[in-house]
């Protein structure tokens, strides 16, 4: 599977991009900050889906599977991140 790392978009960098899917990895930061960051990714118009992989259950408030592109949040636990 091909992927890109640290992909520049207006207002930031996406950690990983696989095809048209953005993957953002978060181990700290507020939900508000993450929400603003994801909004910039949405506005870039490049992605068909955004996945947030996080160690913080509080980040689930940014999940929005009904928007375009959908935002999915996955909590990673016990991985020593």
PDB file of N, CA and C in Angstrom:
ATOM      1  N   UNK A   1       0.845  -1.163   0.000  1.00  0.00           N
ATOM      2  CA  UNK A   1       0.000   0.000   0.000  1.00  0.00           C
ATOM      3  C   UNK A   1       0.901   1.242   0.000  1.00  0.00           C
ATOM      4  N   UNK A   2       0.670   2.115  -0.941  1.00  0.00           N
ATOM      5  CA  UNK A   2       1.446   3.351  -1.019  1.00  0.00           C
ATOM      6  C   UNK A   2       0.837   4.412  -0.114  1.00  0.00           C
ATOM      7  N   UNK A   3       1.703   5.200   0.507  1.00  0.00           N
ATOM      8  CA  UNK A   3       1.246   6.291   1.353  1.00  0.00           C
ATOM      9  C   UNK A   3       2.267   7.424   1.313  1.00  0.00           C
ATOM     10  N   UNK A   4       1.805   8.596   1.727  1.00  0.00           N
ATOM     11  CA  UNK A   4       2.676   9.760   1.832  1.00  0.00           C
ATOM     12  C   UNK A   4       2.681  10.203   3.290  1.00  0.00           C
ATOM     13  N   UNK A   5       3.818  10.759   3.757  1.00  0.00           N
ATOM     14  CA  UNK A   5       3.935  11.279   5.122  1.00  0.00           C
ATOM     15  C   UNK A   5       4.074  12.793   5.090  1.00  0.00           C
ATOM     16  N   UNK A   6       3.541  13.430   6.145  1.00  0.00           N
ATOM     17  CA  UNK A   6       3.694  14.876   6.317  1.00  0.00           C
ATOM     18  C   UNK A   6       3.301  15.650   5.055  1.00  0.00           C
ATOM     19  N   UNK A   7       2.093  15.415   4.595  1.00  0.00           N
ATOM     20  CA  UNK A   7       1.592  16.035   3.372  1.00  0.00           C
ATOM     21  C   UNK A   7       1.089  17.442   3.675  1.00  0.00           C
ATOM     22  N   UNK A   8       1.636  18.414   2.984  1.00  0.00           N
ATOM     23  CA  UNK A   8       1.229  19.811   3.188  1.00  0.00           C
ATOM     24  C   UNK A   8      -0.137  20.072   2.556  1.00  0.00           C
ATOM     25  N   UNK A   9      -0.981  20.725   3.349  1.00  0.00           N
ATOM     26  CA  UNK A   9      -2.258  21.241   2.863  1.00  0.00           C
ATOM     27  C   UNK A   9      -2.352  22.668   3.392  1.00  0.00           C
ATOM     28  N   UNK A  10      -3.227  23.497   2.838  1.00  0.00           N
ATOM     29  CA  UNK A  10      -3.345  24.855   3.352  1.00  0.00           C
ATOM     30  C   UNK A  10      -3.592  24.851   4.867  1.00  0.00           C
ATOM     31  N   UNK A  11      -2.728  25.490   5.600  1.00  0.00           N
ATOM     32  CA  UNK A  11      -2.904  25.604   7.037  1.00  0.00           C
ATOM     33  C   UNK A  11      -2.320  24.479   7.862  1.00  0.00           C
ATOM     34  N   UNK A  12      -1.579  23.558   7.253  1.00  0.00           N
ATOM     35  CA  UNK A  12      -1.004  22.486   8.065  1.00  0.00           C
ATOM     36  C   UNK A  12      -0.409  21.349   7.265  1.00  0.00           C
ATOM     37  N   UNK A  13      -0.170  20.255   7.991  1.00  0.00           N
ATOM     38  CA  UNK A  13       0.363  19.033   7.390  1.00  0.00           C
ATOM     39  C   UNK A  13      -0.400  17.839   7.936  1.00  0.00           C
ATOM     40  N   UNK A  14      -0.788  16.962   7.044  1.00  0.00           N
ATOM     41  CA  UNK A  14      -1.461  15.719   7.426  1.00  0.00           C
ATOM     42  C   UNK A  14      -0.373  14.681   7.688  1.00  0.00           C
ATOM     43  N   UNK A  15      -0.504  13.928   8.781  1.00  0.00           N
ATOM     44  CA  UNK A  15       0.523  12.946   9.124  1.00  0.00           C
ATOM     45  C   UNK A  15       0.727  11.908   8.029  1.00  0.00           C
ATOM     46  N   UNK A  16      -0.364  11.314   7.543  1.00  0.00           N
ATOM     47  CA  UNK A  16      -0.282  10.307   6.484  1.00  0.00           C
ATOM     48  C   UNK A  16      -1.439  10.507   5.516  1.00  0.00           C
ATOM     49  N   UNK A  17      -1.193  10.204   4.253  1.00  0.00           N
ATOM     50  CA  UNK A  17      -2.246  10.188   3.249  1.00  0.00           C
ATOM     51  C   UNK A  17      -2.120   8.884   2.473  1.00  0.00           C
ATOM     52  N   UNK A  18      -3.231   8.154   2.399  1.00  0.00           N
ATOM     53  CA  UNK A  18      -3.305   6.911   1.628  1.00  0.00           C
ATOM     54  C   UNK A  18      -4.378   7.140   0.576  1.00  0.00           C
ATOM     55  N   UNK A  19      -3.963   7.277  -0.675  1.00  0.00           N
ATOM     56  CA  UNK A  19      -4.923   7.600  -1.730  1.00  0.00           C
ATOM     57  C   UNK A  19      -5.541   8.958  -1.450  1.00  0.00           C
ATOM     58  N   UNK A  20      -6.848   8.965  -1.178  1.00  0.00           N
ATOM     59  CA  UNK A  20      -7.552  10.216  -0.860  1.00  0.00           C
ATOM     60  C   UNK A  20      -8.008  10.252   0.599  1.00  0.00           C
ATOM     61  N   UNK A  21      -7.403   9.418   1.436  1.00  0.00           N
ATOM     62  CA  UNK A  21      -7.748   9.353   2.854  1.00  0.00           C
ATOM     63  C   UNK A  21      -6.635   9.985   3.684  1.00  0.00           C
ATOM     64  N   UNK A  22      -7.006  10.961   4.511  1.00  0.00           N
ATOM     65  CA  UNK A  22      -6.064  11.603   5.427  1.00  0.00           C
ATOM     66  C   UNK A  22      -6.085  10.849   6.748  1.00  0.00           C
ATOM     67  N   UNK A  23      -4.902  10.613   7.320  1.00  0.00           N
ATOM     68  CA  UNK A  23      -4.796   9.971   8.631  1.00  0.00           C
ATOM     69  C   UNK A  23      -3.982  10.888   9.535  1.00  0.00           C
ATOM     70  N   UNK A  24      -4.617  11.351  10.591  1.00  0.00           N
ATOM     71  CA  UNK A  24      -3.959  12.233  11.559  1.00  0.00           C
ATOM     72  C   UNK A  24      -3.764  11.459  12.854  1.00  0.00           C
ATOM     73  N   UNK A  25      -2.543  11.453  13.379  1.00  0.00           N
ATOM     74  CA  UNK A  25      -2.220  10.740  14.615  1.00  0.00           C
ATOM     75  C   UNK A  25      -2.046  11.771  15.721  1.00  0.00           C
ATOM     76  N   UNK A  26      -2.793  11.600  16.811  1.00  0.00           N
ATOM     77  CA  UNK A  26      -2.753  12.549  17.923  1.00  0.00           C
ATOM     78  C   UNK A  26      -2.517  11.822  19.238  1.00  0.00           C
ATOM     79  N   UNK A  27      -1.535  12.313  20.012  1.00  0.00           N
ATOM     80  CA  UNK A  27      -1.323  11.766  21.344  1.00  0.00           C
ATOM     81  C   UNK A  27      -1.540  12.824  22.423  1.00  0.00           C
ATOM     82  N   UNK A  28      -1.710  14.076  21.997  1.00  0.00           N
ATOM     83  CA  UNK A  28      -2.009  15.147  22.951  1.00  0.00           C
ATOM     84  C   UNK A  28      -2.739  16.259  22.221  1.00  0.00           C
ATOM     85  N   UNK A  29      -3.100  17.287  22.948  1.00  0.00           N
ATOM     86  CA  UNK A  29      -3.797  18.422  22.360  1.00  0.00           C
ATOM     87  C   UNK A  29      -5.271  18.410  22.702  1.00  0.00           C
ATOM     88  N   UNK A  30      -5.864  19.591  22.618  1.00  0.00           N
ATOM     89  CA  UNK A  30      -7.277  19.728  22.957  1.00  0.00           C
ATOM     90  C   UNK A  30      -8.166  19.309  21.786  1.00  0.00           C
ATOM     91  N   UNK A  31      -9.390  18.979  22.114  1.00  0.00           N
ATOM     92  CA  UNK A  31     -10.370  18.643  21.079  1.00  0.00           C
ATOM     93  C   UNK A  31     -10.656  19.848  20.200  1.00  0.00           C
ATOM     94  N   UNK A  32     -10.654  21.043  20.798  1.00  0.00           N
ATOM     95  CA  UNK A  32     -10.914  22.270  20.042  1.00  0.00           C
ATOM     96  C   UNK A  32      -9.826  22.506  18.997  1.00  0.00           C
ATOM     97  N   UNK A  33      -8.580  22.318  19.408  1.00  0.00           N
ATOM     98  CA  UNK A  33      -7.454  22.485  18.487  1.00  0.00           C
ATOM     99  C   UNK A  33      -7.524  21.464  17.353  1.00  0.00           C
ATOM    100  N   UNK A  34      -7.844  20.225  17.707  1.00  0.00           N
ATOM    101  CA  UNK A  34      -7.973  19.176  16.695  1.00  0.00           C
ATOM    102  C   UNK A  34      -9.110  19.496  15.739  1.00  0.00           C
ATOM    103  N   UNK A  35     -10.213  19.985  16.250  1.00  0.00           N
ATOM    104  CA  UNK A  35     -11.352  20.333  15.408  1.00  0.00           C
ATOM    105  C   UNK A  35     -10.973  21.402  14.382  1.00  0.00           C
ATOM    106  N   UNK A  36     -10.239  22.426  14.822  1.00  0.00           N
ATOM    107  CA  UNK A  36      -9.795  23.477  13.893  1.00  0.00           C
ATOM    108  C   UNK A  36      -8.847  22.906  12.836  1.00  0.00           C
ATOM    109  N   UNK A  37      -7.959  22.022  13.264  1.00  0.00           N
ATOM    110  CA  UNK A  37      -7.017  21.396  12.336  1.00  0.00           C
ATOM    111  C   UNK A  37      -7.764  20.579  11.280  1.00  0.00           C
ATOM    112  N   UNK A  38      -8.728  19.792  11.710  1.00  0.00           N
ATOM    113  CA  UNK A  38      -9.490  18.966  10.775  1.00  0.00           C
ATOM    114  C   UNK A  38     -10.313  19.821   9.818  1.00  0.00           C
ATOM    115  N   UNK A  39     -10.814  20.953  10.295  1.00  0.00           N
ATOM    116  CA  UNK A  39     -11.571  21.847   9.427  1.00  0.00           C
ATOM    117  C   UNK A  39     -10.695  22.346   8.274  1.00  0.00           C
ATOM    118  N   UNK A  40      -9.434  22.619   8.566  1.00  0.00           N
ATOM    119  CA  UNK A  40      -8.508  23.037   7.497  1.00  0.00           C
ATOM    120  C   UNK A  40      -8.309  21.907   6.485  1.00  0.00           C
ATOM    121  N   UNK A  41      -8.256  20.676   6.961  1.00  0.00           N
ATOM    122  CA  UNK A  41      -8.118  19.535   6.047  1.00  0.00           C
ATOM    123  C   UNK A  41      -9.358  19.383   5.177  1.00  0.00           C
ATOM    124  N   UNK A  42     -10.525  19.575   5.767  1.00  0.00           N
ATOM    125  CA  UNK A  42     -11.777  19.517   5.011  1.00  0.00           C
ATOM    126  C   UNK A  42     -11.776  20.590   3.927  1.00  0.00           C
ATOM    127  N   UNK A  43     -11.390  21.806   4.304  1.00  0.00           N
ATOM    128  CA  UNK A  43     -11.391  22.923   3.367  1.00  0.00           C
ATOM    129  C   UNK A  43     -10.384  22.739   2.239  1.00  0.00           C
ATOM    130  N   UNK A  44      -9.377  21.897   2.442  1.00  0.00           N
ATOM    131  CA  UNK A  44      -8.401  21.633   1.383  1.00  0.00           C
ATOM    132  C   UNK A  44      -9.072  20.965   0.180  1.00  0.00           C
ATOM    133  N   UNK A  45     -10.192  20.264   0.416  1.00  0.00           N
ATOM    134  CA  UNK A  45     -10.942  19.648  -0.670  1.00  0.00           C
ATOM    135  C   UNK A  45     -10.263  18.466  -1.332  1.00  0.00           C
ATOM    136  N   UNK A  46      -9.266  17.925  -0.692  1.00  0.00           N
ATOM    137  CA  UNK A  46      -8.470  16.850  -1.294  1.00  0.00           C
ATOM    138  C   UNK A  46      -8.883  15.454  -0.831  1.00  0.00           C
ATOM    139  N   UNK A  47      -9.590  15.358   0.274  1.00  0.00           N
ATOM    140  CA  UNK A  47      -9.783  14.060   0.921  1.00  0.00           C
ATOM    141  C   UNK A  47     -11.225  13.574   0.846  1.00  0.00           C
ATOM    142  N   UNK A  48     -11.383  12.253   0.701  1.00  0.00           N
ATOM    143  CA  UNK A  48     -12.707  11.638   0.702  1.00  0.00           C
ATOM    144  C   UNK A  48     -13.066  11.100   2.081  1.00  0.00           C
ATOM    145  N   UNK A  49     -12.077  11.027   2.975  1.00  0.00           N
ATOM    146  CA  UNK A  49     -12.305  10.602   4.357  1.00  0.00           C
ATOM    147  C   UNK A  49     -11.119  11.069   5.194  1.00  0.00           C
ATOM    148  N   UNK A  50     -11.401  11.290   6.479  1.00  0.00           N
ATOM    149  CA  UNK A  50     -10.356  11.661   7.431  1.00  0.00           C
ATOM    150  C   UNK A  50     -10.456  10.717   8.614  1.00  0.00           C
ATOM    151  N   UNK A  51      -9.324  10.122   8.979  1.00  0.00           N
ATOM    152  CA  UNK A  51      -9.255   9.222  10.132  1.00  0.00           C
ATOM    153  C   UNK A  51      -8.327   9.852  11.154  1.00  0.00           C
ATOM    154  N   UNK A  52      -8.789   9.911  12.395  1.00  0.00           N
ATOM    155  CA  UNK A  52      -7.948  10.379  13.493  1.00  0.00           C
ATOM    156  C   UNK A  52      -7.634   9.170  14.369  1.00  0.00           C
ATOM    157  N   UNK A  53      -6.357   8.860  14.526  1.00  0.00           N
ATOM    158  CA  UNK A  53      -5.907   7.811  15.437  1.00  0.00           C
ATOM    159  C   UNK A  53      -5.348   8.522  16.660  1.00  0.00           C
ATOM    160  N   UNK A  54      -5.918   8.264  17.829  1.00  0.00           N
ATOM    161  CA  UNK A  54      -5.558   9.027  19.018  1.00  0.00           C
ATOM    162  C   UNK A  54      -5.458   8.148  20.253  1.00  0.00           C
ATOM    163  N   UNK A  55      -4.738   8.641  21.237  1.00  0.00           N
ATOM    164  CA  UNK A  55      -4.679   7.988  22.541  1.00  0.00           C
ATOM    165  C   UNK A  55      -5.649   8.647  23.520  1.00  0.00           C
ATOM    166  N   UNK A  56      -6.354   9.682  23.077  1.00  0.00           N
ATOM    167  CA  UNK A  56      -7.229  10.458  23.949  1.00  0.00           C
ATOM    168  C   UNK A  56      -8.707  10.226  23.619  1.00  0.00           C
ATOM    169  N   UNK A  57      -9.417   9.529  24.492  1.00  0.00           N
ATOM    170  CA  UNK A  57     -10.848   9.323  24.250  1.00  0.00           C
ATOM    171  C   UNK A  57     -11.619  10.634  24.069  1.00  0.00           C
ATOM    172  N   UNK A  58     -11.142  11.720  24.673  1.00  0.00           N
ATOM    173  CA  UNK A  58     -11.826  13.014  24.540  1.00  0.00           C
ATOM    174  C   UNK A  58     -11.863  13.498  23.093  1.00  0.00           C
ATOM    175  N   UNK A  59     -10.966  13.030  22.260  1.00  0.00           N
ATOM    176  CA  UNK A  59     -10.939  13.452  20.859  1.00  0.00           C
ATOM    177  C   UNK A  59     -12.123  12.903  20.056  1.00  0.00           C
ATOM    178  N   UNK A  60     -12.885  11.982  20.631  1.00  0.00           N
ATOM    179  CA  UNK A  60     -14.032  11.424  19.899  1.00  0.00           C
ATOM    180  C   UNK A  60     -15.102  12.462  19.601  1.00  0.00           C
ATOM    181  N   UNK A  61     -15.076  13.598  20.281  1.00  0.00           N
ATOM    182  CA  UNK A  61     -16.092  14.624  20.021  1.00  0.00           C
ATOM    183  C   UNK A  61     -15.973  15.202  18.611  1.00  0.00           C
ATOM    184  N   UNK A  62     -14.825  15.025  17.948  1.00  0.00           N
ATOM    185  CA  UNK A  62     -14.667  15.564  16.590  1.00  0.00           C
ATOM    186  C   UNK A  62     -15.185  14.608  15.522  1.00  0.00           C
ATOM    187  N   UNK A  63     -15.529  13.388  15.911  1.00  0.00           N
ATOM    188  CA  UNK A  63     -16.026  12.415  14.937  1.00  0.00           C
ATOM    189  C   UNK A  63     -17.323  12.922  14.308  1.00  0.00           C
ATOM    190  N   UNK A  64     -17.422  12.776  12.998  1.00  0.00           N
ATOM    191  CA  UNK A  64     -18.625  13.198  12.285  1.00  0.00           C
ATOM    192  C   UNK A  64     -18.754  12.356  11.013  1.00  0.00           C
ATOM    193  N   UNK A  65     -19.296  11.148  11.157  1.00  0.00           N
ATOM    194  CA  UNK A  65     -19.387  10.244  10.005  1.00  0.00           C
ATOM    195  C   UNK A  65     -20.372  10.692   8.938  1.00  0.00           C
ATOM    196  N   UNK A  66     -21.234  11.671   9.272  1.00  0.00           N
ATOM    197  CA  UNK A  66     -22.256  12.115   8.319  1.00  0.00           C
ATOM    198  C   UNK A  66     -21.841  13.299   7.464  1.00  0.00           C
ATOM    199  N   UNK A  67     -20.688  13.887   7.739  1.00  0.00           N
ATOM    200  CA  UNK A  67     -20.237  15.045   6.961  1.00  0.00           C
ATOM    201  C   UNK A  67     -19.465  14.577   5.738  1.00  0.00           C
ATOM    202  N   UNK A  68     -19.144  15.501   4.865  1.00  0.00           N
ATOM    203  CA  UNK A  68     -18.339  15.192   3.694  1.00  0.00           C
ATOM    204  C   UNK A  68     -17.082  16.041   3.756  1.00  0.00           C
ATOM    205  N   UNK A  69     -15.926  15.441   3.858  1.00  0.00           N
ATOM    206  CA  UNK A  69     -15.666  14.014   4.021  1.00  0.00           C
ATOM    207  C   UNK A  69     -15.973  13.560   5.455  1.00  0.00           C
ATOM    208  N   UNK A  70     -16.310  12.280   5.621  1.00  0.00           N
ATOM    209  CA  UNK A  70     -16.571  11.777   6.971  1.00  0.00           C
ATOM    210  C   UNK A  70     -15.295  11.795   7.811  1.00  0.00           C
ATOM    211  N   UNK A  71     -15.465  12.049   9.117  1.00  0.00           N
ATOM    212  CA  UNK A  71     -14.347  12.027  10.048  1.00  0.00           C
ATOM    213  C   UNK A  71     -14.586  10.894  11.029  1.00  0.00           C
ATOM    214  N   UNK A  72     -13.645   9.957  11.082  1.00  0.00           N
ATOM    215  CA  UNK A  72     -13.712   8.803  11.970  1.00  0.00           C
ATOM    216  C   UNK A  72     -12.581   8.904  12.980  1.00  0.00           C
ATOM    217  N   UNK A  73     -12.879   8.623  14.249  1.00  0.00           N
ATOM    218  CA  UNK A  73     -11.867   8.667  15.297  1.00  0.00           C
ATOM    219  C   UNK A  73     -11.705   7.271  15.893  1.00  0.00           C
ATOM    220  N   UNK A  74     -10.452   6.831  15.991  1.00  0.00           N
ATOM    221  CA  UNK A  74     -10.116   5.522  16.554  1.00  0.00           C
ATOM    222  C   UNK A  74      -9.199   5.753  17.740  1.00  0.00           C
ATOM    223  N   UNK A  75      -9.576   5.230  18.909  1.00  0.00           N
ATOM    224  CA  UNK A  75      -8.721   5.361  20.078  1.00  0.00           C
ATOM    225  C   UNK A  75      -7.755   4.182  20.144  1.00  0.00           C
ATOM    226  N   UNK A  76      -6.479   4.521  20.257  1.00  0.00           N
ATOM    227  CA  UNK A  76      -5.427   3.510  20.382  1.00  0.00           C
ATOM    228  C   UNK A  76      -5.051   3.430  21.837  1.00  0.00           C
ATOM    229  N   UNK A  77      -5.221   2.261  22.432  1.00  0.00           N
ATOM    230  CA  UNK A  77      -4.899   2.119  23.844  1.00  0.00           C
ATOM    231  C   UNK A  77      -3.908   1.005  24.072  1.00  0.00           C
ATOM    232  N   UNK A  78      -3.073   1.170  25.097  1.00  0.00           N
ATOM    233  CA  UNK A  78      -2.146   0.124  25.481  1.00  0.00           C
ATOM    234  C   UNK A  78      -1.022  -0.131  24.499  1.00  0.00           C
ATOM    235  N   UNK A  79      -0.732   0.852  23.641  1.00  0.00           N
ATOM    236  CA  UNK A  79       0.309   0.643  22.641  1.00  0.00           C
ATOM    237  C   UNK A  79       1.603   1.354  23.011  1.00  0.00           C
ATOM    238  N   UNK A  80       1.645   1.951  24.189  1.00  0.00           N
ATOM    239  CA  UNK A  80       2.847   2.630  24.625  1.00  0.00           C
ATOM    240  C   UNK A  80       3.139   3.894  23.865  1.00  0.00           C
ATOM    241  N   UNK A  81       2.082   4.549  23.361  1.00  0.00           N
ATOM    242  CA  UNK A  81       2.287   5.783  22.587  1.00  0.00           C
ATOM    243  C   UNK A  81       2.529   6.944  23.500  1.00  0.00           C
TER     244      UNK A  81
END
